[in-house]
Amino acid sequence: GTTAHAFSHILYKALLFMGTGAVLYSVGTSKLHELGALAGKMKWVLT
């Protein structure tokens, strides 16, 4: 389980940070209180 989780973690955490990077690139901030209403403009990133 530990070995498998190390592998799985690399994949989904990379994807989480890529999504964050896309938001940061598009909007210029990663602060939650400054974000919002992006679902219609970034639906694939959200998916």
ModelCIF file with pLDDT and N, C-alpha, C, O atoms, coordinates in Angstrom:
data_MODEL
#
_entry.id   MODEL 
#
_entity.id                         1 
_entity.type                       polymer 
_entity.pdbx_number_of_molecules   1 
#
_entity_poly.entity_id                      1 
_entity_poly.type                           'polypeptide(L)' 
_entity_poly.nstd_linkage                   no 
_entity_poly.nstd_monomer                   no 
_entity_poly.pdbx_seq_one_letter_code       GTTAHAFSHILYKALLFMGTGAVLYSVGTSKLHELGALAGKMKWVLT 
_entity_poly.pdbx_seq_one_letter_code_can   GTTAHAFSHILYKALLFMGTGAVLYSVGTSKLHELGALAGKMKWVLT 
_entity_poly.pdbx_strand_id                 A 
#
loop_
_entity_poly_seq.entity_id 
_entity_poly_seq.num 
_entity_poly_seq.mon_id 
_entity_poly_seq.hetero 
1 1  GLY n 
1 2  THR n 
1 3  THR n 
1 4  ALA n 
1 5  HIS n 
1 6  ALA n 
1 7  PHE n 
1 8  SER n 
1 9  HIS n 
1 10 ILE n 
1 11 LEU n 
1 12 TYR n 
1 13 LYS n 
1 14 ALA n 
1 15 LEU n 
1 16 LEU n 
1 17 PHE n 
1 18 MET n 
1 19 GLY n 
1 20 THR n 
1 21 GLY n 
1 22 ALA n 
1 23 VAL n 
1 24 LEU n 
1 25 TYR n 
1 26 SER n 
1 27 VAL n 
1 28 GLY n 
1 29 THR n 
1 30 SER n 
1 31 LYS n 
1 32 LEU n 
1 33 HIS n 
1 34 GLU n 
1 35 LEU n 
1 36 GLY n 
1 37 ALA n 
1 38 LEU n 
1 39 ALA n 
1 40 GLY n 
1 41 LYS n 
1 42 MET n 
1 43 LYS n 
1 44 TRP n 
1 45 VAL n 
1 46 LEU n 
1 47 THR n 
#
_struct_asym.id          A 
_struct_asym.entity_id   1 
#
loop_
_ma_qa_metric.id 
_ma_qa_metric.mode 
_ma_qa_metric.name 
_ma_qa_metric.software_group_id 
_ma_qa_metric.type 
1 global pLDDT . pLDDT 
2 local  pLDDT . pLDDT 
#
_ma_qa_metric_global.metric_id      1 
_ma_qa_metric_global.metric_value   92.64 
_ma_qa_metric_global.model_id       1 
_ma_qa_metric_global.ordinal_id     1 
#
loop_
_ma_qa_metric_local.label_asym_id 
_ma_qa_metric_local.label_comp_id 
_ma_qa_metric_local.label_seq_id 
_ma_qa_metric_local.metric_id 
_ma_qa_metric_local.metric_value 
_ma_qa_metric_local.model_id 
_ma_qa_metric_local.ordinal_id 
A GLY 1  2 97.00 1 1  
A THR 2  2 98.00 1 2  
A THR 3  2 97.00 1 3  
A ALA 4  2 97.00 1 4  
A HIS 5  2 97.00 1 5  
A ALA 6  2 97.00 1 6  
A PHE 7  2 97.00 1 7  
A SER 8  2 97.00 1 8  
A HIS 9  2 96.00 1 9  
A ILE 10 2 96.00 1 10 
A LEU 11 2 97.00 1 11 
A TYR 12 2 96.00 1 12 
A LYS 13 2 96.00 1 13 
A ALA 14 2 97.00 1 14 
A LEU 15 2 97.00 1 15 
A LEU 16 2 96.00 1 16 
A PHE 17 2 96.00 1 17 
A MET 18 2 96.00 1 18 
A GLY 19 2 95.00 1 19 
A THR 20 2 92.00 1 20 
A GLY 21 2 94.00 1 21 
A ALA 22 2 94.00 1 22 
A VAL 23 2 93.00 1 23 
A LEU 24 2 92.00 1 24 
A TYR 25 2 94.00 1 25 
A SER 26 2 92.00 1 26 
A VAL 27 2 91.00 1 27 
A GLY 28 2 88.00 1 28 
A THR 29 2 86.00 1 29 
A SER 30 2 88.00 1 30 
A LYS 31 2 89.00 1 31 
A LEU 32 2 87.00 1 32 
A HIS 33 2 85.00 1 33 
A GLU 34 2 86.00 1 34 
A LEU 35 2 87.00 1 35 
A GLY 36 2 83.00 1 36 
A ALA 37 2 85.00 1 37 
A LEU 38 2 87.00 1 38 
A ALA 39 2 87.00 1 39 
A GLY 40 2 87.00 1 40 
A LYS 41 2 88.00 1 41 
A MET 42 2 92.00 1 42 
A LYS 43 2 93.00 1 43 
A TRP 44 2 95.00 1 44 
A VAL 45 2 95.00 1 45 
A LEU 46 2 94.00 1 46 
A THR 47 2 95.00 1 47 
#
loop_
_atom_site.group_PDB 
_atom_site.id 
_atom_site.type_symbol 
_atom_site.label_atom_id 
_atom_site.label_alt_id 
_atom_site.label_comp_id 
_atom_site.label_asym_id 
_atom_site.label_entity_id 
_atom_site.label_seq_id 
_atom_site.pdbx_PDB_ins_code 
_atom_site.Cartn_x 
_atom_site.Cartn_y 
_atom_site.Cartn_z 
_atom_site.occupancy 
_atom_site.B_iso_or_equiv 
_atom_site.pdbx_formal_charge 
_atom_site.auth_seq_id 
_atom_site.auth_comp_id 
_atom_site.auth_asym_id 
_atom_site.auth_atom_id 
_atom_site.pdbx_PDB_model_num 
ATOM 1   N N  . GLY A 1 1  ? 0.815   -1.212 0.000   1.00 97.00 ? 1  GLY A N  1 
ATOM 2   C CA . GLY A 1 1  ? 0.000   0.000  0.000   1.00 97.00 ? 1  GLY A CA 1 
ATOM 3   C C  . GLY A 1 1  ? 0.845   1.256  0.000   1.00 97.00 ? 1  GLY A C  1 
ATOM 4   O O  . GLY A 1 1  ? 0.531   2.226  -0.690  1.00 97.00 ? 1  GLY A O  1 
ATOM 5   N N  . THR A 1 2  ? 1.908   1.240  0.768   1.00 98.00 ? 2  THR A N  1 
ATOM 6   C CA . THR A 1 2  ? 2.810   2.398  0.820   1.00 98.00 ? 2  THR A CA 1 
ATOM 7   C C  . THR A 1 2  ? 3.448   2.657  -0.542  1.00 98.00 ? 2  THR A C  1 
ATOM 8   O O  . THR A 1 2  ? 3.508   3.794  -1.011  1.00 98.00 ? 2  THR A O  1 
ATOM 9   N N  . THR A 1 3  ? 3.921   1.582  -1.165  1.00 97.00 ? 3  THR A N  1 
ATOM 10  C CA . THR A 1 3  ? 4.551   1.712  -2.486  1.00 97.00 ? 3  THR A CA 1 
ATOM 11  C C  . THR A 1 3  ? 3.547   2.220  -3.519  1.00 97.00 ? 3  THR A C  1 
ATOM 12  O O  . THR A 1 3  ? 3.847   3.119  -4.303  1.00 97.00 ? 3  THR A O  1 
ATOM 13  N N  . ALA A 1 4  ? 2.352   1.631  -3.508  1.00 97.00 ? 4  ALA A N  1 
ATOM 14  C CA . ALA A 1 4  ? 1.317   2.048  -4.451  1.00 97.00 ? 4  ALA A CA 1 
ATOM 15  C C  . ALA A 1 4  ? 0.906   3.498  -4.214  1.00 97.00 ? 4  ALA A C  1 
ATOM 16  O O  . ALA A 1 4  ? 0.669   4.248  -5.162  1.00 97.00 ? 4  ALA A O  1 
ATOM 17  N N  . HIS A 1 5  ? 0.824   3.887  -2.943  1.00 97.00 ? 5  HIS A N  1 
ATOM 18  C CA . HIS A 1 5  ? 0.377   5.248  -2.639  1.00 97.00 ? 5  HIS A CA 1 
ATOM 19  C C  . HIS A 1 5  ? 1.420   6.284  -3.040  1.00 97.00 ? 5  HIS A C  1 
ATOM 20  O O  . HIS A 1 5  ? 1.066   7.393  -3.439  1.00 97.00 ? 5  HIS A O  1 
ATOM 21  N N  . ALA A 1 6  ? 2.691   5.939  -2.939  1.00 97.00 ? 6  ALA A N  1 
ATOM 22  C CA . ALA A 1 6  ? 3.736   6.850  -3.403  1.00 97.00 ? 6  ALA A CA 1 
ATOM 23  C C  . ALA A 1 6  ? 3.569   7.128  -4.896  1.00 97.00 ? 6  ALA A C  1 
ATOM 24  O O  . ALA A 1 6  ? 3.719   8.262  -5.350  1.00 97.00 ? 6  ALA A O  1 
ATOM 25  N N  . PHE A 1 7  ? 3.253   6.064  -5.657  1.00 97.00 ? 7  PHE A N  1 
ATOM 26  C CA . PHE A 1 7  ? 3.038   6.225  -7.096  1.00 97.00 ? 7  PHE A CA 1 
ATOM 27  C C  . PHE A 1 7  ? 1.780   7.038  -7.377  1.00 97.00 ? 7  PHE A C  1 
ATOM 28  O O  . PHE A 1 7  ? 1.803   7.971  -8.179  1.00 97.00 ? 7  PHE A O  1 
ATOM 29  N N  . SER A 1 8  ? 0.688   6.683  -6.717  1.00 97.00 ? 8  SER A N  1 
ATOM 30  C CA . SER A 1 8  ? -0.577  7.397  -6.935  1.00 97.00 ? 8  SER A CA 1 
ATOM 31  C C  . SER A 1 8  ? -0.447  8.864  -6.561  1.00 97.00 ? 8  SER A C  1 
ATOM 32  O O  . SER A 1 8  ? -0.971  9.739  -7.250  1.00 97.00 ? 8  SER A O  1 
ATOM 33  N N  . HIS A 1 9  ? 0.253   9.123  -5.467  1.00 96.00 ? 9  HIS A N  1 
ATOM 34  C CA . HIS A 1 9  ? 0.399   10.493 -4.974  1.00 96.00 ? 9  HIS A CA 1 
ATOM 35  C C  . HIS A 1 9  ? 1.095   11.388 -5.999  1.00 96.00 ? 9  HIS A C  1 
ATOM 36  O O  . HIS A 1 9  ? 0.713   12.543 -6.181  1.00 96.00 ? 9  HIS A O  1 
ATOM 37  N N  . ILE A 1 10 ? 2.107   10.857 -6.660  1.00 96.00 ? 10 ILE A N  1 
ATOM 38  C CA . ILE A 1 10 ? 2.815   11.635 -7.671  1.00 96.00 ? 10 ILE A CA 1 
ATOM 39  C C  . ILE A 1 10 ? 1.845   12.102 -8.764  1.00 96.00 ? 10 ILE A C  1 
ATOM 40  O O  . ILE A 1 10 ? 1.911   13.246 -9.214  1.00 96.00 ? 10 ILE A O  1 
ATOM 41  N N  . LEU A 1 11 ? 0.951   11.209 -9.184  1.00 97.00 ? 11 LEU A N  1 
ATOM 42  C CA . LEU A 1 11 ? 0.028   11.546 -10.269 1.00 97.00 ? 11 LEU A CA 1 
ATOM 43  C C  . LEU A 1 11 ? -1.001  12.581 -9.851  1.00 97.00 ? 11 LEU A C  1 
ATOM 44  O O  . LEU A 1 11 ? -1.117  13.629 -10.487 1.00 97.00 ? 11 LEU A O  1 
ATOM 45  N N  . TYR A 1 12 ? -1.759  12.301 -8.779  1.00 96.00 ? 12 TYR A N  1 
ATOM 46  C CA . TYR A 1 12 ? -2.843  13.235 -8.455  1.00 96.00 ? 12 TYR A CA 1 
ATOM 47  C C  . TYR A 1 12 ? -2.335  14.540 -7.872  1.00 96.00 ? 12 TYR A C  1 
ATOM 48  O O  . TYR A 1 12 ? -2.967  15.579 -8.058  1.00 96.00 ? 12 TYR A O  1 
ATOM 49  N N  . LYS A 1 13 ? -1.210  14.515 -7.172  1.00 96.00 ? 13 LYS A N  1 
ATOM 50  C CA . LYS A 1 13 ? -0.700  15.788 -6.635  1.00 96.00 ? 13 LYS A CA 1 
ATOM 51  C C  . LYS A 1 13 ? -0.124  16.662 -7.754  1.00 96.00 ? 13 LYS A C  1 
ATOM 52  O O  . LYS A 1 13 ? -0.256  17.886 -7.722  1.00 96.00 ? 13 LYS A O  1 
ATOM 53  N N  . ALA A 1 14 ? 0.516   16.028 -8.740  1.00 97.00 ? 14 ALA A N  1 
ATOM 54  C CA . ALA A 1 14 ? 0.968   16.785 -9.903  1.00 97.00 ? 14 ALA A CA 1 
ATOM 55  C C  . ALA A 1 14 ? -0.214  17.445 -10.606 1.00 97.00 ? 14 ALA A C  1 
ATOM 56  O O  . ALA A 1 14 ? -0.130  18.596 -11.035 1.00 97.00 ? 14 ALA A O  1 
ATOM 57  N N  . LEU A 1 15 ? -1.321  16.703 -10.721 1.00 97.00 ? 15 LEU A N  1 
ATOM 58  C CA . LEU A 1 15 ? -2.514  17.239 -11.378 1.00 97.00 ? 15 LEU A CA 1 
ATOM 59  C C  . LEU A 1 15 ? -3.117  18.381 -10.564 1.00 97.00 ? 15 LEU A C  1 
ATOM 60  O O  . LEU A 1 15 ? -3.562  19.378 -11.132 1.00 97.00 ? 15 LEU A O  1 
ATOM 61  N N  . LEU A 1 16 ? -3.136  18.242 -9.245  1.00 96.00 ? 16 LEU A N  1 
ATOM 62  C CA . LEU A 1 16 ? -3.638  19.328 -8.386  1.00 96.00 ? 16 LEU A CA 1 
ATOM 63  C C  . LEU A 1 16 ? -2.810  20.602 -8.575  1.00 96.00 ? 16 LEU A C  1 
ATOM 64  O O  . LEU A 1 16 ? -3.361  21.695 -8.704  1.00 96.00 ? 16 LEU A O  1 
ATOM 65  N N  . PHE A 1 17 ? -1.495  20.449 -8.589  1.00 96.00 ? 17 PHE A N  1 
ATOM 66  C CA . PHE A 1 17 ? -0.647  21.629 -8.738  1.00 96.00 ? 17 PHE A CA 1 
ATOM 67  C C  . PHE A 1 17 ? -0.713  22.201 -10.157 1.00 96.00 ? 17 PHE A C  1 
ATOM 68  O O  . PHE A 1 17 ? -0.565  23.410 -10.339 1.00 96.00 ? 17 PHE A O  1 
ATOM 69  N N  . MET A 1 18 ? -0.932  21.353 -11.159 1.00 96.00 ? 18 MET A N  1 
ATOM 70  C CA . MET A 1 18 ? -1.121  21.876 -12.516 1.00 96.00 ? 18 MET A CA 1 
ATOM 71  C C  . MET A 1 18 ? -2.404  22.698 -12.597 1.00 96.00 ? 18 MET A C  1 
ATOM 72  O O  . MET A 1 18 ? -2.434  23.748 -13.238 1.00 96.00 ? 18 MET A O  1 
ATOM 73  N N  . GLY A 1 19 ? -3.464  22.219 -11.946 1.00 95.00 ? 19 GLY A N  1 
ATOM 74  C CA . GLY A 1 19 ? -4.696  22.999 -11.906 1.00 95.00 ? 19 GLY A CA 1 
ATOM 75  C C  . GLY A 1 19 ? -4.496  24.326 -11.208 1.00 95.00 ? 19 GLY A C  1 
ATOM 76  O O  . GLY A 1 19 ? -5.008  25.355 -11.649 1.00 95.00 ? 19 GLY A O  1 
ATOM 77  N N  . THR A 1 20 ? -3.747  24.297 -10.112 1.00 92.00 ? 20 THR A N  1 
ATOM 78  C CA . THR A 1 20 ? -3.417  25.539 -9.405  1.00 92.00 ? 20 THR A CA 1 
ATOM 79  C C  . THR A 1 20 ? -2.611  26.473 -10.286 1.00 92.00 ? 20 THR A C  1 
ATOM 80  O O  . THR A 1 20 ? -2.854  27.679 -10.320 1.00 92.00 ? 20 THR A O  1 
ATOM 81  N N  . GLY A 1 21 ? -1.646  25.902 -11.001 1.00 94.00 ? 21 GLY A N  1 
ATOM 82  C CA . GLY A 1 21 ? -0.832  26.707 -11.903 1.00 94.00 ? 21 GLY A CA 1 
ATOM 83  C C  . GLY A 1 21 ? -1.652  27.347 -13.004 1.00 94.00 ? 21 GLY A C  1 
ATOM 84  O O  . GLY A 1 21 ? -1.395  28.484 -13.397 1.00 94.00 ? 21 GLY A O  1 
ATOM 85  N N  . ALA A 1 22 ? -2.645  26.613 -13.506 1.00 94.00 ? 22 ALA A N  1 
ATOM 86  C CA . ALA A 1 22 ? -3.517  27.160 -14.544 1.00 94.00 ? 22 ALA A CA 1 
ATOM 87  C C  . ALA A 1 22 ? -4.323  28.342 -14.016 1.00 94.00 ? 22 ALA A C  1 
ATOM 88  O O  . ALA A 1 22 ? -4.474  29.352 -14.703 1.00 94.00 ? 22 ALA A O  1 
ATOM 89  N N  . VAL A 1 23 ? -4.842  28.214 -12.787 1.00 93.00 ? 23 VAL A N  1 
ATOM 90  C CA . VAL A 1 23 ? -5.581  29.326 -12.168 1.00 93.00 ? 23 VAL A CA 1 
ATOM 91  C C  . VAL A 1 23 ? -4.662  30.514 -11.950 1.00 93.00 ? 23 VAL A C  1 
ATOM 92  O O  . VAL A 1 23 ? -5.022  31.649 -12.261 1.00 93.00 ? 23 VAL A O  1 
ATOM 93  N N  . LEU A 1 24 ? -3.480  30.256 -11.417 1.00 92.00 ? 24 LEU A N  1 
ATOM 94  C CA . LEU A 1 24 ? -2.524  31.336 -11.155 1.00 92.00 ? 24 LEU A CA 1 
ATOM 95  C C  . LEU A 1 24 ? -2.116  32.032 -12.452 1.00 92.00 ? 24 LEU A C  1 
ATOM 96  O O  . LEU A 1 24 ? -1.987  33.256 -12.494 1.00 92.00 ? 24 LEU A O  1 
ATOM 97  N N  . TYR A 1 25 ? -1.913  31.247 -13.504 1.00 94.00 ? 25 TYR A N  1 
ATOM 98  C CA . TYR A 1 25 ? -1.556  31.809 -14.808 1.00 94.00 ? 25 TYR A CA 1 
ATOM 99  C C  . TYR A 1 25 ? -2.689  32.668 -15.360 1.00 94.00 ? 25 TYR A C  1 
ATOM 100 O O  . TYR A 1 25 ? -2.447  33.757 -15.881 1.00 94.00 ? 25 TYR A O  1 
ATOM 101 N N  . SER A 1 26 ? -3.916  32.187 -15.250 1.00 92.00 ? 26 SER A N  1 
ATOM 102 C CA . SER A 1 26 ? -5.058  32.864 -15.874 1.00 92.00 ? 26 SER A CA 1 
ATOM 103 C C  . SER A 1 26 ? -5.511  34.097 -15.114 1.00 92.00 ? 26 SER A C  1 
ATOM 104 O O  . SER A 1 26 ? -5.888  35.103 -15.716 1.00 92.00 ? 26 SER A O  1 
ATOM 105 N N  . VAL A 1 27 ? -5.475  34.018 -13.777 1.00 91.00 ? 27 VAL A N  1 
ATOM 106 C CA . VAL A 1 27 ? -6.059  35.079 -12.952 1.00 91.00 ? 27 VAL A CA 1 
ATOM 107 C C  . VAL A 1 27 ? -4.993  35.929 -12.262 1.00 91.00 ? 27 VAL A C  1 
ATOM 108 O O  . VAL A 1 27 ? -5.213  37.112 -12.000 1.00 91.00 ? 27 VAL A O  1 
ATOM 109 N N  . GLY A 1 28 ? -3.835  35.327 -11.967 1.00 88.00 ? 28 GLY A N  1 
ATOM 110 C CA . GLY A 1 28 ? -2.762  36.083 -11.340 1.00 88.00 ? 28 GLY A CA 1 
ATOM 111 C C  . GLY A 1 28 ? -2.722  35.990 -9.831  1.00 88.00 ? 28 GLY A C  1 
ATOM 112 O O  . GLY A 1 28 ? -1.903  36.655 -9.196  1.00 88.00 ? 28 GLY A O  1 
ATOM 113 N N  . THR A 1 29 ? -3.598  35.171 -9.234  1.00 86.00 ? 29 THR A N  1 
ATOM 114 C CA . THR A 1 29 ? -3.581  34.998 -7.783  1.00 86.00 ? 29 THR A CA 1 
ATOM 115 C C  . THR A 1 29 ? -4.023  33.586 -7.438  1.00 86.00 ? 29 THR A C  1 
ATOM 116 O O  . THR A 1 29 ? -4.780  32.960 -8.181  1.00 86.00 ? 29 THR A O  1 
ATOM 117 N N  . SER A 1 30 ? -3.539  33.090 -6.295  1.00 88.00 ? 30 SER A N  1 
ATOM 118 C CA . SER A 1 30 ? -3.986  31.781 -5.794  1.00 88.00 ? 30 SER A CA 1 
ATOM 119 C C  . SER A 1 30 ? -4.610  31.920 -4.410  1.00 88.00 ? 30 SER A C  1 
ATOM 120 O O  . SER A 1 30 ? -4.804  30.924 -3.714  1.00 88.00 ? 30 SER A O  1 
ATOM 121 N N  . LYS A 1 31 ? -4.928  33.158 -4.006  1.00 89.00 ? 31 LYS A N  1 
ATOM 122 C CA . LYS A 1 31 ? -5.587  33.402 -2.724  1.00 89.00 ? 31 LYS A CA 1 
ATOM 123 C C  . LYS A 1 31 ? -7.083  33.137 -2.856  1.00 89.00 ? 31 LYS A C  1 
ATOM 124 O O  . LYS A 1 31 ? -7.737  33.690 -3.740  1.00 89.00 ? 31 LYS A O  1 
ATOM 125 N N  . LEU A 1 32 ? -7.621  32.298 -1.985  1.00 87.00 ? 32 LEU A N  1 
ATOM 126 C CA . LEU A 1 32 ? -9.020  31.913 -2.106  1.00 87.00 ? 32 LEU A CA 1 
ATOM 127 C C  . LEU A 1 32 ? -9.968  33.103 -1.999  1.00 87.00 ? 32 LEU A C  1 
ATOM 128 O O  . LEU A 1 32 ? -10.973 33.155 -2.708  1.00 87.00 ? 32 LEU A O  1 
ATOM 129 N N  . HIS A 1 33 ? -9.660  34.070 -1.115  1.00 85.00 ? 33 HIS A N  1 
ATOM 130 C CA . HIS A 1 33 ? -10.589 35.186 -0.929  1.00 85.00 ? 33 HIS A CA 1 
ATOM 131 C C  . HIS A 1 33 ? -10.599 36.138 -2.125  1.00 85.00 ? 33 HIS A C  1 
ATOM 132 O O  . HIS A 1 33 ? -11.467 37.006 -2.223  1.00 85.00 ? 33 HIS A O  1 
ATOM 133 N N  . GLU A 1 34 ? -9.634  35.974 -3.033  1.00 86.00 ? 34 GLU A N  1 
ATOM 134 C CA . GLU A 1 34 ? -9.584  36.812 -4.230  1.00 86.00 ? 34 GLU A CA 1 
ATOM 135 C C  . GLU A 1 34 ? -10.126 36.104 -5.464  1.00 86.00 ? 34 GLU A C  1 
ATOM 136 O O  . GLU A 1 34 ? -10.220 36.707 -6.532  1.00 86.00 ? 34 GLU A O  1 
ATOM 137 N N  . LEU A 1 35 ? -10.481 34.839 -5.327  1.00 87.00 ? 35 LEU A N  1 
ATOM 138 C CA . LEU A 1 35 ? -10.936 34.042 -6.469  1.00 87.00 ? 35 LEU A CA 1 
ATOM 139 C C  . LEU A 1 35 ? -12.445 33.843 -6.446  1.00 87.00 ? 35 LEU A C  1 
ATOM 140 O O  . LEU A 1 35 ? -13.131 34.286 -5.525  1.00 87.00 ? 35 LEU A O  1 
ATOM 141 N N  . GLY A 1 36 ? -12.949 33.167 -7.479  1.00 83.00 ? 36 GLY A N  1 
ATOM 142 C CA . GLY A 1 36 ? -14.379 32.871 -7.558  1.00 83.00 ? 36 GLY A CA 1 
ATOM 143 C C  . GLY A 1 36 ? -14.942 33.112 -8.940  1.00 83.00 ? 36 GLY A C  1 
ATOM 144 O O  . GLY A 1 36 ? -14.344 33.825 -9.746  1.00 83.00 ? 36 GLY A O  1 
ATOM 145 N N  . ALA A 1 37 ? -16.094 32.516 -9.218  1.00 85.00 ? 37 ALA A N  1 
ATOM 146 C CA . ALA A 1 37 ? -16.830 32.711 -10.472 1.00 85.00 ? 37 ALA A CA 1 
ATOM 147 C C  . ALA A 1 37 ? -15.998 32.370 -11.710 1.00 85.00 ? 37 ALA A C  1 
ATOM 148 O O  . ALA A 1 37 ? -16.112 33.035 -12.740 1.00 85.00 ? 37 ALA A O  1 
ATOM 149 N N  . LEU A 1 38 ? -15.166 31.338 -11.607 1.00 87.00 ? 38 LEU A N  1 
ATOM 150 C CA . LEU A 1 38 ? -14.322 30.947 -12.735 1.00 87.00 ? 38 LEU A CA 1 
ATOM 151 C C  . LEU A 1 38 ? -14.840 29.706 -13.462 1.00 87.00 ? 38 LEU A C  1 
ATOM 152 O O  . LEU A 1 38 ? -14.302 29.329 -14.503 1.00 87.00 ? 38 LEU A O  1 
ATOM 153 N N  . ALA A 1 39 ? -15.870 29.076 -12.925 1.00 87.00 ? 39 ALA A N  1 
ATOM 154 C CA . ALA A 1 39 ? -16.323 27.796 -13.480 1.00 87.00 ? 39 ALA A CA 1 
ATOM 155 C C  . ALA A 1 39 ? -16.715 27.906 -14.948 1.00 87.00 ? 39 ALA A C  1 
ATOM 156 O O  . ALA A 1 39 ? -16.391 27.025 -15.744 1.00 87.00 ? 39 ALA A O  1 
ATOM 157 N N  . GLY A 1 40 ? -17.402 28.971 -15.308 1.00 87.00 ? 40 GLY A N  1 
ATOM 158 C CA . GLY A 1 40 ? -17.838 29.126 -16.684 1.00 87.00 ? 40 GLY A CA 1 
ATOM 159 C C  . GLY A 1 40 ? -16.703 29.390 -17.651 1.00 87.00 ? 40 GLY A C  1 
ATOM 160 O O  . GLY A 1 40 ? -16.797 29.053 -18.832 1.00 87.00 ? 40 GLY A O  1 
ATOM 161 N N  . LYS A 1 41 ? -15.624 29.993 -17.156 1.00 88.00 ? 41 LYS A N  1 
ATOM 162 C CA . LYS A 1 41 ? -14.501 30.356 -18.022 1.00 88.00 ? 41 LYS A CA 1 
ATOM 163 C C  . LYS A 1 41 ? -13.387 29.310 -18.011 1.00 88.00 ? 41 LYS A C  1 
ATOM 164 O O  . LYS A 1 41 ? -12.547 29.288 -18.910 1.00 88.00 ? 41 LYS A O  1 
ATOM 165 N N  . MET A 1 42 ? -13.379 28.444 -16.995 1.00 92.00 ? 42 MET A N  1 
ATOM 166 C CA . MET A 1 42 ? -12.297 27.460 -16.867 1.00 92.00 ? 42 MET A CA 1 
ATOM 167 C C  . MET A 1 42 ? -12.888 26.084 -16.542 1.00 92.00 ? 42 MET A C  1 
ATOM 168 O O  . MET A 1 42 ? -12.421 25.396 -15.634 1.00 92.00 ? 42 MET A O  1 
ATOM 169 N N  . LYS A 1 43 ? -13.916 25.694 -17.294 1.00 93.00 ? 43 LYS A N  1 
ATOM 170 C CA . LYS A 1 43 ? -14.615 24.450 -16.945 1.00 93.00 ? 43 LYS A CA 1 
ATOM 171 C C  . LYS A 1 43 ? -13.756 23.209 -17.123 1.00 93.00 ? 43 LYS A C  1 
ATOM 172 O O  . LYS A 1 43 ? -13.911 22.250 -16.367 1.00 93.00 ? 43 LYS A O  1 
ATOM 173 N N  . TRP A 1 44 ? -12.854 23.196 -18.097 1.00 95.00 ? 44 TRP A N  1 
ATOM 174 C CA . TRP A 1 44 ? -12.003 22.029 -18.274 1.00 95.00 ? 44 TRP A CA 1 
ATOM 175 C C  . TRP A 1 44 ? -10.952 21.944 -17.185 1.00 95.00 ? 44 TRP A C  1 
ATOM 176 O O  . TRP A 1 44 ? -10.613 20.853 -16.728 1.00 95.00 ? 44 TRP A O  1 
ATOM 177 N N  . VAL A 1 45 ? -10.434 23.092 -16.767 1.00 95.00 ? 45 VAL A N  1 
ATOM 178 C CA . VAL A 1 45 ? -9.489  23.092 -15.650 1.00 95.00 ? 45 VAL A CA 1 
ATOM 179 C C  . VAL A 1 45 ? -10.182 22.574 -14.390 1.00 95.00 ? 45 VAL A C  1 
ATOM 180 O O  . VAL A 1 45 ? -9.602  21.798 -13.630 1.00 95.00 ? 45 VAL A O  1 
ATOM 181 N N  . LEU A 1 46 ? -11.426 23.009 -14.174 1.00 94.00 ? 46 LEU A N  1 
ATOM 182 C CA . LEU A 1 46 ? -12.211 22.526 -13.034 1.00 94.00 ? 46 LEU A CA 1 
ATOM 183 C C  . LEU A 1 46 ? -12.443 21.021 -13.137 1.00 94.00 ? 46 LEU A C  1 
ATOM 184 O O  . LEU A 1 46 ? -12.335 20.309 -12.138 1.00 94.00 ? 46 LEU A O  1 
ATOM 185 N N  . THR A 1 47 ? -12.758 20.536 -14.323 1.00 95.00 ? 47 THR A N  1 
ATOM 186 C CA . THR A 1 47 ? -12.989 19.102 -14.518 1.00 95.00 ? 47 THR A CA 1 
ATOM 187 C C  . THR A 1 47 ? -11.744 18.293 -14.177 1.00 95.00 ? 47 THR A C  1 
ATOM 188 O O  . THR A 1 47 ? -11.755 17.067 -14.282 1.00 95.00 ? 47 THR A O  1 
#
